[in-house]
Amino acid sequence: MTYICIMQKEDKRHLAILGSTGSIGTQTLEVVEEQSELFEIELLTANRNSKLLIEQAKKFKPNAVVIADESQFDLVRDELWPLDIKVYAGSEAIEQAVEMEEIDIVVTAMVGFSGLKPTINAIKHNKHIALANKETLVVAGHLITKLAKENGVNIYPVDSEHSAIFQCLAGEFHNPIEKIYLTASGGPFRGKSADELANVKKEQALKHPNWEMGAKITIDSASLMNKGLEVIEAKWLFNLKPEQIDVIVHPQSIIHSIVQFEDGSMKAQMGLPDMKLPIQYAIAYPERLKSSFPRFNFTDYPSLSFEKPDTDTFKNLGLAFDALNEGGNRACILNAANEMTVELFLQDRISFLDIARINEKVMRTLPYQKDPDLAALLEFDKEARRMAKDLA
């Protein structure tokens, strides 16, 4: 990491938030509001939540906004015209908007594969990335890391687990990692058998015990796919081999992840389950800014527990490790299938257990390619989605 300039009140960091109306986006704006002397918003983008996008734009007065749903362009433009805020529409506009000269850091909080192209373009234009869109590295880690290195761009992790690893490595970058442990809450169905999961409904899967997140990531957490995607993301963020990455279930979500060094010493980053802390750490790095976030009280958590994940019941985690070991286009295919199956589950068109069943079928059926370029990844993504939908 090379971004070490010290923040000054008179020298604000200018942010673009891709996916500003989602869970990470709204919490990023909460951080910016609390630290308004240090951050300024240049760009906000949303998929289709025009009402919230308009509210955010009126409050934070960015240079520009983009609504991906082109049918809502007129509404957003008319509302923001008096404020002299530029308004654009469409997915290509999001890709282009990150080129704005004023932007220092792009917070990629878009959901799923849609975040890939804007992130690539931001890196090409030398914007540092605060990465909440894990699918970008899952799908195209080999391309993204190479591109970031070529352009001198830093990628700061926003996921709480990867932020924890990053924080544990502060001052340790010269010391080799022996192993990392990504912690998982286990989700709402921890300890359930396959028989018990056969008829669960989306309303049950959307009730996460510890975190408030968007629908897609909450379902992924329930199926342990979210942890699987984080395993693949960790490989690229920290240049690790598959055997250096492990997952442990930690229901309290207080220890966010652990680094084990070659001497056997371990470092863990701890805190209450609150995404604003890793968001702030990413956009303010290397400084720790004073905040009003709730503080951890040890007496509220007299016991912290750990257990192995049940990959026999929650097969998605095992599939992710398989994709990591096999490399090539496997993670791209798995991610695309999963995005489709989660969508189908939320539409009540397949069962909870069908998510992993279809994901595995798609990943094992589509042909393997060792070193796909971006065009090939786009085609594999499209084909995997089509196949997953056909299998429903």
Protein backbone atom coordinates (compact mmCIF):
# COMPACT_ATOMS: atom_id res chain seq x y z
CA MET A 1 0.00 0.00 0.00
CA THR A 2 1.34 3.43 -0.93
CA TYR A 3 -1.42 5.91 -0.12
CA ILE A 4 0.12 7.45 3.01
CA CYS A 5 -0.59 11.16 2.75
CA ILE A 6 -1.90 12.61 6.01
CA MET A 7 -5.39 14.08 5.86
CA GLN A 8 -5.84 17.78 6.50
CA LYS A 9 -9.12 19.61 6.95
CA GLU A 10 -8.22 22.03 4.16
CA ASP A 11 -7.41 19.15 1.80
CA LYS A 12 -10.51 17.00 1.58
CA ARG A 13 -10.70 13.61 -0.09
CA HIS A 14 -13.25 13.61 -2.88
CA LEU A 15 -15.37 10.49 -3.15
CA ALA A 16 -17.51 8.71 -5.71
CA ILE A 17 -20.00 6.25 -4.25
CA LEU A 18 -21.21 3.64 -6.71
CA GLY A 19 -24.41 2.21 -5.27
CA SER A 20 -25.12 5.05 -2.86
CA THR A 21 -28.69 3.94 -2.07
CA GLY A 22 -27.69 0.45 -0.87
CA SER A 23 -26.62 -0.59 2.61
CA ILE A 24 -22.90 0.19 2.18
CA GLY A 25 -23.60 3.36 0.22
CA THR A 26 -25.95 4.83 2.81
CA GLN A 27 -23.55 3.98 5.64
CA THR A 28 -20.68 5.57 3.72
CA LEU A 29 -22.71 8.76 3.53
CA GLU A 30 -23.29 8.57 7.28
CA VAL A 31 -19.51 8.44 7.77
CA VAL A 32 -19.03 11.37 5.38
CA GLU A 33 -21.66 13.38 7.23
CA GLU A 34 -19.89 12.81 10.56
CA GLN A 35 -16.49 13.61 9.02
CA SER A 36 -17.68 16.40 6.74
CA GLU A 37 -14.51 18.45 7.23
CA LEU A 38 -12.46 15.66 5.64
CA PHE A 39 -14.62 14.28 2.83
CA GLU A 40 -16.62 15.65 -0.07
CA ILE A 41 -18.96 13.79 -2.41
CA GLU A 42 -18.33 14.21 -6.14
CA LEU A 43 -20.49 11.42 -7.57
CA LEU A 44 -23.44 9.31 -6.46
CA THR A 45 -24.93 6.46 -8.47
CA ALA A 46 -27.95 4.24 -7.96
CA ASN A 47 -29.64 1.42 -9.82
CA ARG A 48 -33.31 2.32 -9.62
CA ASN A 49 -33.98 3.95 -6.23
CA SER A 50 -34.42 7.44 -7.66
CA LYS A 51 -36.28 8.78 -4.63
CA LEU A 52 -33.40 8.10 -2.23
CA LEU A 53 -30.80 9.18 -4.80
CA ILE A 54 -32.54 12.54 -5.12
CA GLU A 55 -32.65 12.95 -1.33
CA GLN A 56 -28.94 12.14 -1.05
CA ALA A 57 -28.04 14.52 -3.87
CA LYS A 58 -29.99 17.38 -2.30
CA LYS A 59 -28.21 16.79 1.00
CA PHE A 60 -24.63 16.20 -0.17
CA LYS A 61 -24.71 18.24 -3.39
CA PRO A 62 -22.36 16.14 -5.53
CA ASN A 63 -20.98 17.29 -8.84
CA ALA A 64 -22.98 14.58 -10.63
CA VAL A 65 -25.35 11.66 -10.15
CA VAL A 66 -26.14 8.66 -12.33
CA ILE A 67 -29.35 6.61 -12.27
CA ALA A 68 -28.83 3.29 -14.02
CA ASP A 69 -32.55 2.90 -14.77
CA GLU A 70 -32.87 5.16 -17.79
CA SER A 71 -36.65 5.38 -17.43
CA GLN A 72 -36.14 7.52 -14.32
CA PHE A 73 -33.74 10.01 -15.89
CA ASP A 74 -36.31 12.77 -16.42
CA LEU A 75 -37.53 12.55 -12.83
CA VAL A 76 -34.04 12.80 -11.36
CA ARG A 77 -32.94 15.53 -13.78
CA ASP A 78 -35.98 17.72 -13.09
CA GLU A 79 -35.59 17.40 -9.32
CA LEU A 80 -31.87 18.26 -9.33
CA TRP A 81 -31.80 20.83 -12.10
CA PRO A 82 -32.21 23.82 -9.71
CA LEU A 83 -29.13 22.65 -7.75
CA ASP A 84 -26.90 22.60 -10.85
CA ILE A 85 -26.12 18.89 -10.31
CA LYS A 86 -25.30 17.02 -13.50
CA VAL A 87 -27.57 14.01 -14.10
CA TYR A 88 -26.81 11.01 -16.30
CA ALA A 89 -28.49 7.66 -16.87
CA GLY A 90 -27.54 4.12 -17.84
CA SER A 91 -24.86 1.61 -16.88
CA GLU A 92 -22.36 3.03 -19.38
CA ALA A 93 -22.74 6.45 -17.77
CA ILE A 94 -21.67 4.95 -14.44
CA GLU A 95 -18.53 3.55 -16.08
CA GLN A 96 -17.72 6.93 -17.62
CA ALA A 97 -18.56 9.08 -14.60
CA VAL A 98 -15.76 7.60 -12.48
CA GLU A 99 -13.29 9.30 -14.82
CA MET A 100 -14.07 12.71 -13.28
CA GLU A 101 -10.81 14.48 -12.51
CA GLU A 102 -11.94 15.61 -9.05
CA ILE A 103 -12.48 12.07 -7.72
CA ASP A 104 -9.77 10.66 -5.42
CA ILE A 105 -11.42 7.46 -4.16
CA VAL A 106 -14.20 5.36 -5.66
CA VAL A 107 -16.31 3.45 -3.15
CA THR A 108 -17.59 0.45 -5.11
CA ALA A 109 -20.79 -0.54 -3.33
CA MET A 110 -22.76 -1.82 -6.32
CA VAL A 111 -24.24 -5.29 -5.98
CA GLY A 112 -22.72 -8.20 -7.86
CA PHE A 113 -21.14 -8.42 -11.30
CA SER A 114 -22.43 -4.96 -12.26
CA GLY A 115 -19.58 -3.38 -10.30
CA LEU A 116 -16.85 -4.92 -12.47
CA LYS A 117 -16.70 -2.54 -15.44
CA PRO A 118 -16.92 0.72 -13.44
CA THR A 119 -14.15 -0.53 -11.13
CA ILE A 120 -11.93 -1.38 -14.09
CA ASN A 121 -12.47 2.06 -15.60
CA ALA A 122 -11.82 3.79 -12.28
CA ILE A 123 -8.51 1.95 -11.92
CA LYS A 124 -7.55 2.83 -15.50
CA HIS A 125 -8.06 6.48 -14.55
CA ASN A 126 -5.89 6.19 -11.43
CA LYS A 127 -8.66 6.32 -8.84
CA HIS A 128 -8.01 4.48 -5.59
CA ILE A 129 -10.70 1.92 -4.75
CA ALA A 130 -12.55 1.32 -1.49
CA LEU A 131 -13.85 -2.11 -2.39
CA ALA A 132 -17.18 -3.30 -1.06
CA ASN A 133 -18.10 -5.09 -4.28
CA LYS A 134 -16.35 -8.40 -3.61
CA GLU A 135 -17.59 -9.88 -6.88
CA THR A 136 -15.12 -7.69 -8.77
CA LEU A 137 -12.16 -9.65 -7.41
CA VAL A 138 -14.05 -12.95 -7.36
CA VAL A 139 -14.78 -12.75 -11.07
CA ALA A 140 -11.64 -11.04 -12.38
CA GLY A 141 -9.05 -10.96 -9.61
CA HIS A 142 -6.21 -11.74 -12.01
CA LEU A 143 -7.17 -8.79 -14.22
CA ILE A 144 -7.96 -6.31 -11.45
CA THR A 145 -4.79 -6.85 -9.42
CA LYS A 146 -2.60 -6.59 -12.52
CA LEU A 147 -4.37 -3.41 -13.62
CA ALA A 148 -4.13 -1.84 -10.17
CA LYS A 149 -0.39 -2.51 -10.03
CA GLU A 150 0.17 -1.07 -13.49
CA ASN A 151 -1.70 2.12 -12.58
CA GLY A 152 -0.33 2.57 -9.07
CA VAL A 153 -3.82 2.22 -7.58
CA ASN A 154 -4.50 0.97 -4.07
CA ILE A 155 -7.47 -1.27 -3.27
CA TYR A 156 -8.72 -0.75 0.27
CA PRO A 157 -11.05 -3.52 1.53
CA VAL A 158 -14.41 -2.49 2.96
CA ASP A 159 -15.76 -5.94 3.89
CA SER A 160 -15.40 -6.22 7.65
CA GLU A 161 -13.41 -9.47 7.39
CA HIS A 162 -10.92 -8.17 4.84
CA SER A 163 -10.65 -4.85 6.62
CA ALA A 164 -9.79 -6.85 9.74
CA ILE A 165 -6.98 -8.68 7.91
CA PHE A 166 -5.74 -5.38 6.48
CA GLN A 167 -5.72 -3.80 9.94
CA CYS A 168 -3.90 -6.79 11.45
CA LEU A 169 -1.22 -6.44 8.78
CA ALA A 170 -0.47 -2.80 9.62
CA GLY A 171 3.23 -2.71 10.43
CA GLU A 172 3.58 -6.37 9.43
CA PHE A 173 3.81 -6.17 5.65
CA HIS A 174 7.41 -7.42 5.77
CA ASN A 175 6.38 -10.50 7.81
CA PRO A 176 5.05 -13.45 5.79
CA ILE A 177 1.53 -14.66 6.52
CA GLU A 178 1.23 -18.31 7.49
CA LYS A 179 -2.55 -18.35 7.47
CA ILE A 180 -5.64 -16.17 7.75
CA TYR A 181 -8.95 -17.05 9.36
CA LEU A 182 -12.06 -15.38 8.02
CA THR A 183 -14.83 -15.43 10.60
CA ALA A 184 -18.45 -16.14 9.73
CA SER A 185 -21.52 -15.60 11.89
CA GLY A 186 -23.10 -18.75 10.49
CA GLY A 187 -26.15 -16.75 9.42
CA PRO A 188 -29.74 -17.37 10.49
CA PHE A 189 -29.59 -21.12 9.81
CA ARG A 190 -26.45 -22.05 11.75
CA GLY A 191 -26.78 -25.58 13.13
CA LYS A 192 -29.72 -26.50 10.89
CA SER A 193 -29.77 -29.75 8.94
CA ALA A 194 -30.57 -30.10 5.26
CA ASP A 195 -33.98 -31.50 6.17
CA GLU A 196 -34.70 -28.43 8.27
CA LEU A 197 -33.64 -26.14 5.42
CA ALA A 198 -35.74 -27.86 2.75
CA ASN A 199 -38.76 -25.59 3.20
CA VAL A 200 -37.36 -22.35 4.62
CA LYS A 201 -38.74 -19.14 3.13
CA LYS A 202 -36.99 -15.98 2.04
CA GLU A 203 -38.40 -14.11 5.04
CA GLN A 204 -36.46 -16.45 7.33
CA ALA A 205 -33.29 -16.23 5.27
CA LEU A 206 -33.42 -12.43 5.32
CA LYS A 207 -33.29 -12.28 9.14
CA HIS A 208 -29.57 -12.08 9.79
CA PRO A 209 -28.71 -12.36 13.50
CA ASN A 210 -25.95 -9.72 13.58
CA TRP A 211 -25.74 -7.56 10.46
CA GLU A 212 -28.12 -5.30 8.55
CA MET A 213 -27.39 -5.79 4.85
CA GLY A 214 -29.06 -5.78 1.47
CA ALA A 215 -31.19 -8.74 0.35
CA LYS A 216 -28.62 -10.37 -1.93
CA ILE A 217 -25.74 -10.39 0.54
CA THR A 218 -28.08 -11.49 3.35
CA ILE A 219 -29.19 -14.55 1.38
CA ASP A 220 -25.54 -15.24 0.53
CA SER A 221 -24.74 -15.08 4.23
CA ALA A 222 -27.51 -17.57 5.00
CA SER A 223 -26.13 -20.02 2.41
CA LEU A 224 -22.47 -19.31 3.36
CA MET A 225 -21.83 -18.23 -0.23
CA ASN A 226 -20.91 -14.78 1.06
CA LYS A 227 -18.07 -16.34 3.04
CA GLY A 228 -17.05 -18.35 0.00
CA LEU A 229 -16.84 -15.20 -2.10
CA GLU A 230 -14.79 -13.58 0.67
CA VAL A 231 -12.37 -16.51 0.59
CA ILE A 232 -11.74 -15.92 -3.12
CA GLU A 233 -11.50 -12.15 -2.60
CA ALA A 234 -8.92 -12.66 0.16
CA LYS A 235 -6.68 -14.63 -2.19
CA TRP A 236 -6.38 -11.62 -4.49
CA LEU A 237 -6.29 -8.88 -1.86
CA PHE A 238 -3.49 -10.44 0.14
CA ASN A 239 -1.74 -12.58 -2.50
CA LEU A 240 -2.44 -15.85 -0.71
CA LYS A 241 -2.50 -19.51 -1.69
CA PRO A 242 -5.74 -21.44 -1.11
CA GLU A 243 -4.18 -23.46 1.73
CA GLN A 244 -3.42 -20.19 3.57
CA ILE A 245 -7.12 -19.34 3.93
CA ASP A 246 -9.51 -20.87 6.43
CA VAL A 247 -13.01 -20.11 7.70
CA ILE A 248 -14.29 -20.41 11.25
CA VAL A 249 -17.83 -19.80 12.47
CA HIS A 250 -17.94 -17.18 15.21
CA PRO A 251 -21.61 -16.50 16.05
CA GLN A 252 -21.03 -13.31 18.04
CA SER A 253 -19.30 -11.49 15.13
CA ILE A 254 -16.93 -9.66 17.47
CA ILE A 255 -13.64 -11.01 16.11
CA HIS A 256 -13.82 -10.00 12.45
CA SER A 257 -10.84 -12.04 11.25
CA ILE A 258 -7.41 -13.29 12.30
CA VAL A 259 -3.89 -13.34 10.84
CA GLN A 260 -1.44 -16.06 11.88
CA PHE A 261 2.25 -15.38 11.26
CA GLU A 262 5.09 -17.83 10.70
CA ASP A 263 6.19 -17.69 14.34
CA GLY A 264 2.74 -18.91 15.43
CA SER A 265 1.61 -15.52 16.76
CA MET A 266 -1.92 -14.46 15.85
CA LYS A 267 -3.50 -11.03 15.51
CA ALA A 268 -7.25 -10.49 15.60
CA GLN A 269 -9.24 -7.34 14.92
CA MET A 270 -12.27 -6.94 17.19
CA GLY A 271 -15.26 -4.66 17.43
CA LEU A 272 -19.02 -4.51 17.36
CA PRO A 273 -20.66 -5.58 14.08
CA ASP A 274 -20.89 -2.13 12.49
CA MET A 275 -19.92 -1.58 8.84
CA LYS A 276 -19.23 2.11 9.34
CA LEU A 277 -15.92 1.32 11.03
CA PRO A 278 -14.35 -0.57 8.08
CA ILE A 279 -15.84 1.96 5.67
CA GLN A 280 -14.21 4.83 7.53
CA TYR A 281 -10.91 2.97 7.81
CA ALA A 282 -10.86 2.39 4.04
CA ILE A 283 -11.59 5.96 2.96
CA ALA A 284 -9.39 7.58 5.65
CA TYR A 285 -6.40 5.19 5.50
CA PRO A 286 -3.82 5.39 7.01
CA GLU A 287 -5.49 7.50 9.69
CA ARG A 288 -7.93 6.34 12.36
CA LEU A 289 -10.46 9.12 12.72
CA LYS A 290 -12.23 9.86 15.98
CA SER A 291 -15.82 8.67 15.70
CA SER A 292 -19.08 8.37 17.63
CA PHE A 293 -19.49 4.68 16.77
CA PRO A 294 -20.71 2.47 19.67
CA ARG A 295 -17.94 0.99 21.80
CA PHE A 296 -17.48 -2.67 22.67
CA ASN A 297 -18.07 -3.73 26.28
CA PHE A 298 -16.43 -7.01 27.29
CA THR A 299 -19.01 -7.69 30.00
CA ASP A 300 -21.74 -7.75 27.36
CA TYR A 301 -19.93 -10.68 25.71
CA PRO A 302 -18.61 -12.92 28.50
CA SER A 303 -18.09 -15.77 26.04
CA LEU A 304 -16.84 -15.86 22.46
CA SER A 305 -17.27 -19.18 20.65
CA PHE A 306 -15.89 -20.79 17.49
CA GLU A 307 -16.81 -23.84 15.41
CA LYS A 308 -16.16 -25.40 12.03
CA PRO A 309 -18.52 -24.50 9.19
CA ASP A 310 -20.85 -27.27 8.03
CA THR A 311 -19.93 -27.57 4.35
CA ASP A 312 -21.99 -30.75 3.95
CA THR A 313 -25.19 -28.81 4.58
CA PHE A 314 -24.02 -25.43 3.32
CA LYS A 315 -22.43 -26.58 0.09
CA ASN A 316 -21.78 -23.13 -1.36
CA LEU A 317 -18.74 -22.60 0.84
CA GLY A 318 -17.19 -25.83 -0.44
CA LEU A 319 -17.97 -24.83 -4.03
CA ALA A 320 -16.14 -21.53 -3.49
CA PHE A 321 -13.05 -23.33 -2.21
CA ASP A 322 -13.24 -25.61 -5.26
CA ALA A 323 -13.44 -22.58 -7.55
CA LEU A 324 -10.47 -21.02 -5.76
CA ASN A 325 -8.37 -24.16 -6.15
CA GLU A 326 -9.30 -24.69 -9.80
CA GLY A 327 -8.83 -21.02 -10.77
CA GLY A 328 -9.46 -19.77 -14.29
CA ASN A 329 -13.09 -18.99 -15.04
CA ARG A 330 -14.54 -21.18 -12.26
CA ALA A 331 -15.19 -18.34 -9.80
CA CYS A 332 -16.78 -16.22 -12.53
CA ILE A 333 -19.17 -19.05 -13.40
CA LEU A 334 -20.00 -19.77 -9.77
CA ASN A 335 -20.65 -16.11 -9.01
CA ALA A 336 -22.93 -15.65 -12.01
CA ALA A 337 -24.92 -18.79 -11.24
CA ASN A 338 -25.28 -17.69 -7.64
CA GLU A 339 -26.50 -14.21 -8.54
CA MET A 340 -29.20 -15.80 -10.66
CA THR A 341 -30.20 -18.45 -8.10
CA VAL A 342 -30.44 -15.89 -5.31
CA GLU A 343 -32.68 -13.78 -7.52
CA LEU A 344 -34.84 -16.83 -8.26
CA PHE A 345 -35.04 -17.70 -4.54
CA LEU A 346 -36.12 -14.15 -3.70
CA GLN A 347 -38.83 -14.54 -6.35
CA ASP A 348 -40.01 -17.78 -4.66
CA ARG A 349 -39.18 -19.75 -7.82
CA ILE A 350 -36.67 -22.16 -6.24
CA SER A 351 -36.02 -23.53 -2.75
CA PHE A 352 -33.17 -22.49 -0.48
CA LEU A 353 -31.31 -25.77 -1.08
CA ASP A 354 -31.77 -25.35 -4.84
CA ILE A 355 -29.35 -22.41 -4.71
CA ALA A 356 -26.31 -24.59 -4.08
CA ARG A 357 -27.63 -27.47 -6.20
CA ILE A 358 -27.98 -25.30 -9.30
CA ASN A 359 -24.75 -23.43 -8.61
CA GLU A 360 -22.83 -26.70 -8.55
CA LYS A 361 -24.47 -28.00 -11.70
CA VAL A 362 -23.61 -24.84 -13.63
CA MET A 363 -20.03 -24.71 -12.36
CA ARG A 364 -19.42 -28.36 -13.24
CA THR A 365 -21.07 -28.16 -16.67
CA LEU A 366 -19.67 -25.06 -18.36
CA PRO A 367 -16.22 -25.50 -19.92
CA TYR A 368 -13.09 -24.56 -18.01
CA GLN A 369 -10.81 -21.78 -19.28
CA LYS A 370 -7.49 -21.20 -17.56
CA ASP A 371 -6.76 -17.53 -18.28
CA PRO A 372 -9.89 -15.73 -19.53
CA ASP A 373 -9.76 -12.11 -20.66
CA LEU A 374 -12.55 -9.64 -19.89
CA ALA A 375 -14.52 -10.48 -23.03
CA ALA A 376 -14.45 -14.19 -22.15
CA LEU A 377 -15.53 -13.47 -18.57
CA LEU A 378 -18.50 -11.47 -19.82
CA GLU A 379 -19.57 -14.39 -22.00
CA PHE A 380 -19.14 -16.96 -19.24
CA ASP A 381 -21.15 -14.73 -16.90
CA LYS A 382 -23.98 -14.50 -19.41
CA GLU A 383 -24.00 -18.23 -20.15
CA ALA A 384 -23.91 -19.20 -16.46
CA ARG A 385 -26.91 -16.99 -15.71
CA ARG A 386 -28.86 -18.46 -18.64
CA MET A 387 -28.08 -22.01 -17.56
CA ALA A 388 -28.97 -21.38 -13.91
CA LYS A 389 -32.31 -19.92 -14.95
CA ASP A 390 -33.02 -22.88 -17.22
CA LEU A 391 -32.29 -25.31 -14.37
CA ALA A 392 -34.78 -23.67 -12.02
